[in-house]
Amino acid sequence: MDIASGDIGRATFSPARHGYNTDEVDGYLRQVAAEVDELNDELAASRAEVAELKRQLAAGGDAGEPASADEDDGLF
């Protein structure tokens, strides 16, 4: 399921007598939306990198040296 920050921002909930503080919920949803945007950007970049490496391999080109386990790729 693809989800974008706009989907989170457009979500609506019916009010309840004993519920959550709507300002707190709205603030948290904004944080979640920002994180979703960041993760979607990282996913798109990773997919583009994989596609490029597959293209290079299919063309018989050198995809470069494999990254060592010591290198930080920023993914985790």
C-alpha atoms as a PDB file:
ATOM      1  CA  MET A   1       0.000   0.000   0.000  1.00  0.00           C
ATOM      2  CA  ASP A   2       1.455   3.340  -1.027  1.00  0.00           C
ATOM      3  CA  ILE A   3       0.822   6.169   1.385  1.00  0.00           C
ATOM      4  CA  ALA A   4       1.800   9.787   1.024  1.00  0.00           C
ATOM      5  CA  SER A   5       1.902  12.571   3.540  1.00  0.00           C
ATOM      6  CA  GLY A   6      -1.142  14.143   1.896  1.00  0.00           C
ATOM      7  CA  ASP A   7      -3.137  10.989   2.657  1.00  0.00           C
ATOM      8  CA  ILE A   8      -2.279  11.387   6.320  1.00  0.00           C
ATOM      9  CA  GLY A   9      -3.114  15.084   6.296  1.00  0.00           C
ATOM     10  CA  ARG A  10      -6.507  14.475   4.681  1.00  0.00           C
ATOM     11  CA  ALA A  11      -7.565  11.787   7.151  1.00  0.00           C
ATOM     12  CA  THR A  12     -10.604  12.740   9.164  1.00  0.00           C
ATOM     13  CA  PHE A  13     -12.006  11.322  12.348  1.00  0.00           C
ATOM     14  CA  SER A  14     -15.326  11.918  14.010  1.00  0.00           C
ATOM     15  CA  PRO A  15     -15.210  13.696  17.355  1.00  0.00           C
ATOM     16  CA  ALA A  16     -15.834  11.714  20.503  1.00  0.00           C
ATOM     17  CA  ARG A  17     -16.741  12.881  23.945  1.00  0.00           C
ATOM     18  CA  HIS A  18     -13.850  11.074  25.611  1.00  0.00           C
ATOM     19  CA  GLY A  19     -11.135  11.039  23.016  1.00  0.00           C
ATOM     20  CA  TYR A  20      -7.663  12.299  22.317  1.00  0.00           C
ATOM     21  CA  ASN A  21      -6.496  15.892  22.325  1.00  0.00           C
ATOM     22  CA  THR A  22      -6.930  16.878  18.680  1.00  0.00           C
ATOM     23  CA  ASP A  23      -3.970  19.291  18.725  1.00  0.00           C
ATOM     24  CA  GLU A  24      -1.689  16.500  19.941  1.00  0.00           C
ATOM     25  CA  VAL A  25      -3.042  14.078  17.342  1.00  0.00           C
ATOM     26  CA  ASP A  26      -2.673  16.658  14.553  1.00  0.00           C
ATOM     27  CA  GLY A  27       0.915  17.368  15.624  1.00  0.00           C
ATOM     28  CA  TYR A  28       1.763  13.687  15.673  1.00  0.00           C
ATOM     29  CA  LEU A  29       0.174  13.147  12.265  1.00  0.00           C
ATOM     30  CA  ARG A  30       2.322  15.979  10.877  1.00  0.00           C
ATOM     31  CA  GLN A  31       5.425  14.216  12.223  1.00  0.00           C
ATOM     32  CA  VAL A  32       4.302  10.898  10.745  1.00  0.00           C
ATOM     33  CA  ALA A  33       3.604  12.581   7.392  1.00  0.00           C
ATOM     34  CA  ALA A  34       7.097  14.100   7.324  1.00  0.00           C
ATOM     35  CA  GLU A  35       8.658  10.716   8.106  1.00  0.00           C
ATOM     36  CA  VAL A  36       6.568   9.040   5.390  1.00  0.00           C
ATOM     37  CA  ASP A  37       7.807  11.627   2.882  1.00  0.00           C
ATOM     38  CA  GLU A  38      11.418  10.972   3.905  1.00  0.00           C
ATOM     39  CA  LEU A  39      10.997   7.200   3.682  1.00  0.00           C
ATOM     40  CA  ASN A  40       9.268   7.450   0.296  1.00  0.00           C
ATOM     41  CA  ASP A  41      12.167   9.598  -0.977  1.00  0.00           C
ATOM     42  CA  GLU A  42      14.712   7.048   0.297  1.00  0.00           C
ATOM     43  CA  LEU A  43      12.738   4.201  -1.282  1.00  0.00           C
ATOM     44  CA  ALA A  44      12.575   5.989  -4.634  1.00  0.00           C
ATOM     45  CA  ALA A  45      16.329   6.641  -4.549  1.00  0.00           C
ATOM     46  CA  SER A  46      17.030   3.002  -3.680  1.00  0.00           C
ATOM     47  CA  ARG A  47      14.786   1.772  -6.473  1.00  0.00           C
ATOM     48  CA  ALA A  48      16.514   4.083  -8.946  1.00  0.00           C
ATOM     49  CA  GLU A  49      19.912   2.817  -7.809  1.00  0.00           C
ATOM     50  CA  VAL A  50      18.829  -0.821  -8.183  1.00  0.00           C
ATOM     51  CA  ALA A  51      17.431  -0.112 -11.655  1.00  0.00           C
ATOM     52  CA  GLU A  52      20.695   1.537 -12.704  1.00  0.00           C
ATOM     53  CA  LEU A  53      22.781  -1.355 -11.369  1.00  0.00           C
ATOM     54  CA  LYS A  54      20.552  -3.856 -13.170  1.00  0.00           C
ATOM     55  CA  ARG A  55      20.934  -1.829 -16.366  1.00  0.00           C
ATOM     56  CA  GLN A  56      24.718  -1.842 -15.974  1.00  0.00           C
ATOM     57  CA  LEU A  57      24.793  -5.570 -15.337  1.00  0.00           C
ATOM     58  CA  ALA A  58      22.544  -6.287 -18.310  1.00  0.00           C
ATOM     59  CA  ALA A  59      24.852  -4.205 -20.498  1.00  0.00           C
ATOM     60  CA  GLY A  60      27.844  -6.183 -19.238  1.00  0.00           C
ATOM     61  CA  GLY A  61      29.296  -3.105 -17.581  1.00  0.00           C
ATOM     62  CA  ASP A  62      31.129  -2.910 -14.325  1.00  0.00           C
ATOM     63  CA  ALA A  63      28.765  -1.854 -11.562  1.00  0.00           C
ATOM     64  CA  GLY A  64      31.773  -0.903  -9.434  1.00  0.00           C
ATOM     65  CA  GLU A  65      33.266  -2.463  -6.383  1.00  0.00           C
ATOM     66  CA  PRO A  66      30.816  -3.859  -3.856  1.00  0.00           C
ATOM     67  CA  ALA A  67      30.494  -1.719  -0.765  1.00  0.00           C
ATOM     68  CA  SER A  68      32.389  -3.002   2.229  1.00  0.00           C
ATOM     69  CA  ALA A  69      30.531  -3.879   5.391  1.00  0.00           C
ATOM     70  CA  ASP A  70      32.289  -0.954   7.108  1.00  0.00           C
ATOM     71  CA  GLU A  71      30.745   1.683   4.831  1.00  0.00           C
ATOM     72  CA  ASP A  72      27.700   3.520   6.095  1.00  0.00           C
ATOM     73  CA  ASP A  73      25.065   3.607   3.351  1.00  0.00           C
ATOM     74  CA  GLY A  74      22.664   5.612   5.504  1.00  0.00           C
ATOM     75  CA  LEU A  75      19.878   3.058   5.169  1.00  0.00           C
ATOM     76  CA  PHE A  76      19.921   1.752   8.721  1.00  0.00           C
END
